[in-house]
Amino acid sequence: MKNFPNINENQYAVVMADGRTGNILNIIKEWSLDNNHSIFSIFNSIDEALNFIEKDQSDNDWIEYIIYDKNQSVVKYIEATKWN
């Protein structure tokens, strides 16, 4: 994955995507068309990442989330609740 952040063993990177189109979103929830904003939100534990997603999803039911570990492996995919 291009520009994947250097995170430690306990950290997780979350990427958001538009559930309608699958387009990757940057951290300000706009389509990521350039490198002006990061697409990765970094959390210090899986619980911290899941808490963020739970809160964020209540206001943004059209967003899907992908959680990665330090090896760039998908830990969890969370579907957009609008189409769930």
N, C-alpha and C. Protein backbone atom coordinates (compact mmCIF):
# COMPACT_ATOMS: atom_id res chain seq x y z
N MET A 1 0.85 -1.17 0.00
CA MET A 1 0.00 0.00 0.00
C MET A 1 0.90 1.23 0.00
N LYS A 2 0.63 2.15 -0.88
CA LYS A 2 1.45 3.35 -1.04
C LYS A 2 1.35 4.24 0.20
N ASN A 3 2.51 4.71 0.66
CA ASN A 3 2.60 5.64 1.79
C ASN A 3 2.03 5.10 3.10
N PHE A 4 2.09 3.79 3.29
CA PHE A 4 1.59 3.23 4.54
C PHE A 4 2.45 3.77 5.68
N PRO A 5 1.82 4.20 6.77
CA PRO A 5 2.58 4.80 7.87
C PRO A 5 3.44 3.77 8.61
N ASN A 6 4.51 4.24 9.19
CA ASN A 6 5.37 3.40 10.01
C ASN A 6 4.77 3.37 11.42
N ILE A 7 4.09 2.28 11.75
CA ILE A 7 3.44 2.17 13.06
C ILE A 7 4.05 1.01 13.83
N ASN A 8 3.89 1.04 15.14
CA ASN A 8 4.47 -0.03 15.96
C ASN A 8 3.51 -1.20 16.12
N GLU A 9 3.96 -2.21 16.82
CA GLU A 9 3.23 -3.48 16.99
C GLU A 9 1.81 -3.31 17.55
N ASN A 10 1.63 -2.34 18.44
CA ASN A 10 0.33 -2.16 19.09
C ASN A 10 -0.59 -1.17 18.38
N GLN A 11 -0.09 -0.51 17.36
CA GLN A 11 -0.90 0.49 16.67
C GLN A 11 -1.63 -0.09 15.48
N TYR A 12 -2.68 0.64 15.07
CA TYR A 12 -3.51 0.23 13.94
C TYR A 12 -3.80 1.45 13.08
N ALA A 13 -3.88 1.23 11.78
CA ALA A 13 -4.20 2.29 10.83
C ALA A 13 -5.60 2.03 10.29
N VAL A 14 -6.42 3.07 10.28
CA VAL A 14 -7.78 2.96 9.75
C VAL A 14 -7.88 3.78 8.48
N VAL A 15 -8.45 3.16 7.45
CA VAL A 15 -8.72 3.82 6.19
C VAL A 15 -10.23 3.82 6.00
N MET A 16 -10.75 4.95 5.52
CA MET A 16 -12.18 5.08 5.27
C MET A 16 -12.44 5.09 3.76
N ALA A 17 -13.59 4.57 3.37
CA ALA A 17 -13.98 4.58 1.97
C ALA A 17 -15.45 4.93 1.85
N ASP A 18 -15.82 5.51 0.72
CA ASP A 18 -17.21 5.81 0.43
C ASP A 18 -17.91 4.49 0.13
N GLY A 19 -18.89 4.13 0.93
CA GLY A 19 -19.58 2.85 0.77
C GLY A 19 -20.36 2.73 -0.53
N ARG A 20 -20.71 3.84 -1.15
CA ARG A 20 -21.43 3.81 -2.43
C ARG A 20 -20.53 3.48 -3.59
N THR A 21 -19.30 4.02 -3.54
CA THR A 21 -18.40 3.92 -4.69
C THR A 21 -17.15 3.09 -4.44
N GLY A 22 -16.78 2.95 -3.16
CA GLY A 22 -15.53 2.27 -2.83
C GLY A 22 -14.32 3.18 -2.90
N ASN A 23 -14.52 4.47 -3.26
CA ASN A 23 -13.40 5.40 -3.33
C ASN A 23 -12.83 5.67 -1.95
N ILE A 24 -11.52 5.67 -1.85
CA ILE A 24 -10.83 5.94 -0.59
C ILE A 24 -11.03 7.41 -0.22
N LEU A 25 -11.27 7.64 1.09
CA LEU A 25 -11.45 8.99 1.60
C LEU A 25 -10.21 9.41 2.38
N ASN A 26 -9.92 10.71 2.37
CA ASN A 26 -8.84 11.19 3.23
C ASN A 26 -9.41 11.42 4.63
N ILE A 27 -8.60 11.89 5.55
CA ILE A 27 -9.05 11.99 6.95
C ILE A 27 -10.11 13.07 7.16
N ILE A 28 -10.33 13.94 6.16
CA ILE A 28 -11.40 14.93 6.28
C ILE A 28 -12.64 14.50 5.49
N LYS A 29 -12.67 13.22 5.15
CA LYS A 29 -13.82 12.55 4.52
C LYS A 29 -14.17 13.08 3.14
N GLU A 30 -13.13 13.44 2.38
CA GLU A 30 -13.28 13.80 0.98
C GLU A 30 -12.57 12.74 0.16
N TRP A 31 -13.00 12.57 -1.09
CA TRP A 31 -12.31 11.61 -1.95
C TRP A 31 -10.84 11.97 -1.99
N SER A 32 -10.00 10.99 -1.87
CA SER A 32 -8.55 11.20 -1.86
C SER A 32 -8.04 11.26 -3.29
N LEU A 33 -8.03 12.48 -3.84
CA LEU A 33 -7.62 12.67 -5.23
C LEU A 33 -6.15 13.07 -5.36
N ASP A 34 -5.54 13.45 -4.25
CA ASP A 34 -4.13 13.86 -4.27
C ASP A 34 -3.51 13.51 -2.92
N ASN A 35 -2.30 13.94 -2.71
CA ASN A 35 -1.60 13.61 -1.46
C ASN A 35 -1.62 14.76 -0.46
N ASN A 36 -2.57 15.68 -0.58
CA ASN A 36 -2.62 16.83 0.32
C ASN A 36 -3.08 16.45 1.73
N HIS A 37 -3.83 15.37 1.87
CA HIS A 37 -4.29 14.91 3.18
C HIS A 37 -4.06 13.41 3.28
N SER A 38 -3.71 12.98 4.45
CA SER A 38 -3.47 11.56 4.69
C SER A 38 -4.78 10.77 4.61
N ILE A 39 -4.65 9.52 4.24
CA ILE A 39 -5.82 8.63 4.25
C ILE A 39 -5.83 7.75 5.50
N PHE A 40 -4.76 7.83 6.31
CA PHE A 40 -4.61 6.96 7.47
C PHE A 40 -4.89 7.69 8.78
N SER A 41 -5.74 7.10 9.61
CA SER A 41 -5.91 7.54 10.99
C SER A 41 -5.23 6.47 11.84
N ILE A 42 -4.35 6.90 12.74
CA ILE A 42 -3.55 5.97 13.54
C ILE A 42 -4.10 5.90 14.97
N PHE A 43 -4.21 4.67 15.48
CA PHE A 43 -4.72 4.45 16.84
C PHE A 43 -3.76 3.56 17.60
N ASN A 44 -3.70 3.75 18.91
CA ASN A 44 -2.75 3.03 19.75
C ASN A 44 -3.23 1.66 20.22
N SER A 45 -4.45 1.28 19.85
CA SER A 45 -4.96 -0.05 20.18
C SER A 45 -6.13 -0.36 19.25
N ILE A 46 -6.47 -1.62 19.14
CA ILE A 46 -7.63 -2.02 18.34
C ILE A 46 -8.90 -1.46 18.95
N ASP A 47 -8.98 -1.43 20.29
CA ASP A 47 -10.16 -0.89 20.95
C ASP A 47 -10.34 0.60 20.65
N GLU A 48 -9.25 1.33 20.63
CA GLU A 48 -9.31 2.76 20.31
C GLU A 48 -9.82 2.96 18.88
N ALA A 49 -9.34 2.15 17.96
CA ALA A 49 -9.79 2.24 16.57
C ALA A 49 -11.28 1.90 16.45
N LEU A 50 -11.71 0.84 17.13
CA LEU A 50 -13.12 0.44 17.08
C LEU A 50 -14.03 1.48 17.72
N ASN A 51 -13.58 2.10 18.80
CA ASN A 51 -14.37 3.17 19.44
C ASN A 51 -14.52 4.35 18.51
N PHE A 52 -13.44 4.73 17.83
CA PHE A 52 -13.51 5.81 16.86
C PHE A 52 -14.54 5.49 15.77
N ILE A 53 -14.46 4.28 15.23
CA ILE A 53 -15.36 3.88 14.15
C ILE A 53 -16.81 3.90 14.62
N GLU A 54 -17.06 3.37 15.80
CA GLU A 54 -18.43 3.35 16.32
C GLU A 54 -19.00 4.76 16.43
N LYS A 55 -18.23 5.68 16.96
CA LYS A 55 -18.69 7.07 17.09
C LYS A 55 -18.83 7.74 15.73
N ASP A 56 -17.84 7.53 14.87
CA ASP A 56 -17.86 8.18 13.55
C ASP A 56 -19.00 7.66 12.69
N GLN A 57 -19.28 6.38 12.79
CA GLN A 57 -20.31 5.77 11.96
C GLN A 57 -21.71 6.27 12.32
N SER A 58 -21.90 6.72 13.55
CA SER A 58 -23.23 7.22 13.93
C SER A 58 -23.58 8.49 13.16
N ASP A 59 -22.58 9.25 12.74
CA ASP A 59 -22.81 10.47 11.95
C ASP A 59 -22.56 10.26 10.47
N ASN A 60 -21.91 9.20 10.11
CA ASN A 60 -21.50 8.96 8.72
C ASN A 60 -21.82 7.53 8.31
N ASP A 61 -23.10 7.23 8.17
CA ASP A 61 -23.52 5.86 7.91
C ASP A 61 -23.18 5.35 6.51
N TRP A 62 -22.62 6.20 5.68
CA TRP A 62 -22.26 5.83 4.30
C TRP A 62 -20.79 5.44 4.16
N ILE A 63 -20.03 5.53 5.28
CA ILE A 63 -18.60 5.24 5.23
C ILE A 63 -18.33 3.81 5.69
N GLU A 64 -17.42 3.14 4.98
CA GLU A 64 -16.92 1.85 5.41
C GLU A 64 -15.49 2.04 5.90
N TYR A 65 -15.02 1.13 6.74
CA TYR A 65 -13.74 1.28 7.42
C TYR A 65 -12.92 0.00 7.27
N ILE A 66 -11.62 0.19 7.08
CA ILE A 66 -10.71 -0.94 7.01
C ILE A 66 -9.61 -0.70 8.04
N ILE A 67 -9.39 -1.66 8.92
CA ILE A 67 -8.37 -1.55 9.95
C ILE A 67 -7.19 -2.44 9.54
N TYR A 68 -5.98 -1.83 9.55
CA TYR A 68 -4.74 -2.53 9.20
C TYR A 68 -3.81 -2.60 10.39
N ASP A 69 -3.04 -3.68 10.45
CA ASP A 69 -1.98 -3.76 11.46
C ASP A 69 -0.67 -3.25 10.87
N LYS A 70 0.42 -3.32 11.63
CA LYS A 70 1.70 -2.77 11.19
C LYS A 70 2.27 -3.47 9.96
N ASN A 71 1.79 -4.69 9.67
CA ASN A 71 2.24 -5.46 8.51
C ASN A 71 1.40 -5.21 7.27
N GLN A 72 0.51 -4.22 7.36
CA GLN A 72 -0.40 -3.85 6.28
C GLN A 72 -1.43 -4.94 6.00
N SER A 73 -1.67 -5.80 6.99
CA SER A 73 -2.69 -6.84 6.86
C SER A 73 -4.02 -6.30 7.36
N VAL A 74 -5.09 -6.67 6.68
CA VAL A 74 -6.42 -6.24 7.11
C VAL A 74 -6.79 -7.01 8.37
N VAL A 75 -7.09 -6.27 9.42
CA VAL A 75 -7.51 -6.85 10.69
C VAL A 75 -9.03 -6.97 10.73
N LYS A 76 -9.69 -5.93 10.19
CA LYS A 76 -11.16 -5.93 10.22
C LYS A 76 -11.68 -4.98 9.16
N TYR A 77 -12.76 -5.40 8.50
CA TYR A 77 -13.50 -4.56 7.56
C TYR A 77 -14.86 -4.30 8.17
N ILE A 78 -15.29 -3.04 8.18
CA ILE A 78 -16.59 -2.69 8.74
C ILE A 78 -17.40 -2.00 7.65
N GLU A 79 -18.47 -2.66 7.26
CA GLU A 79 -19.33 -2.17 6.19
C GLU A 79 -20.10 -0.92 6.61
N ALA A 80 -20.41 -0.06 5.64
CA ALA A 80 -21.23 1.11 5.89
C ALA A 80 -22.63 0.66 6.36
N THR A 81 -23.11 1.24 7.44
CA THR A 81 -24.39 0.80 8.01
C THR A 81 -25.58 1.15 7.11
N LYS A 82 -25.42 2.15 6.27
CA LYS A 82 -26.51 2.54 5.38
C LYS A 82 -26.91 1.43 4.43
N TRP A 83 -25.95 0.62 4.03
CA TRP A 83 -26.24 -0.46 3.08
C TRP A 83 -26.11 -1.82 3.74
N ASN A 84 -26.03 -1.84 5.03
CA ASN A 84 -25.85 -3.08 5.79
C ASN A 84 -27.14 -3.87 5.87
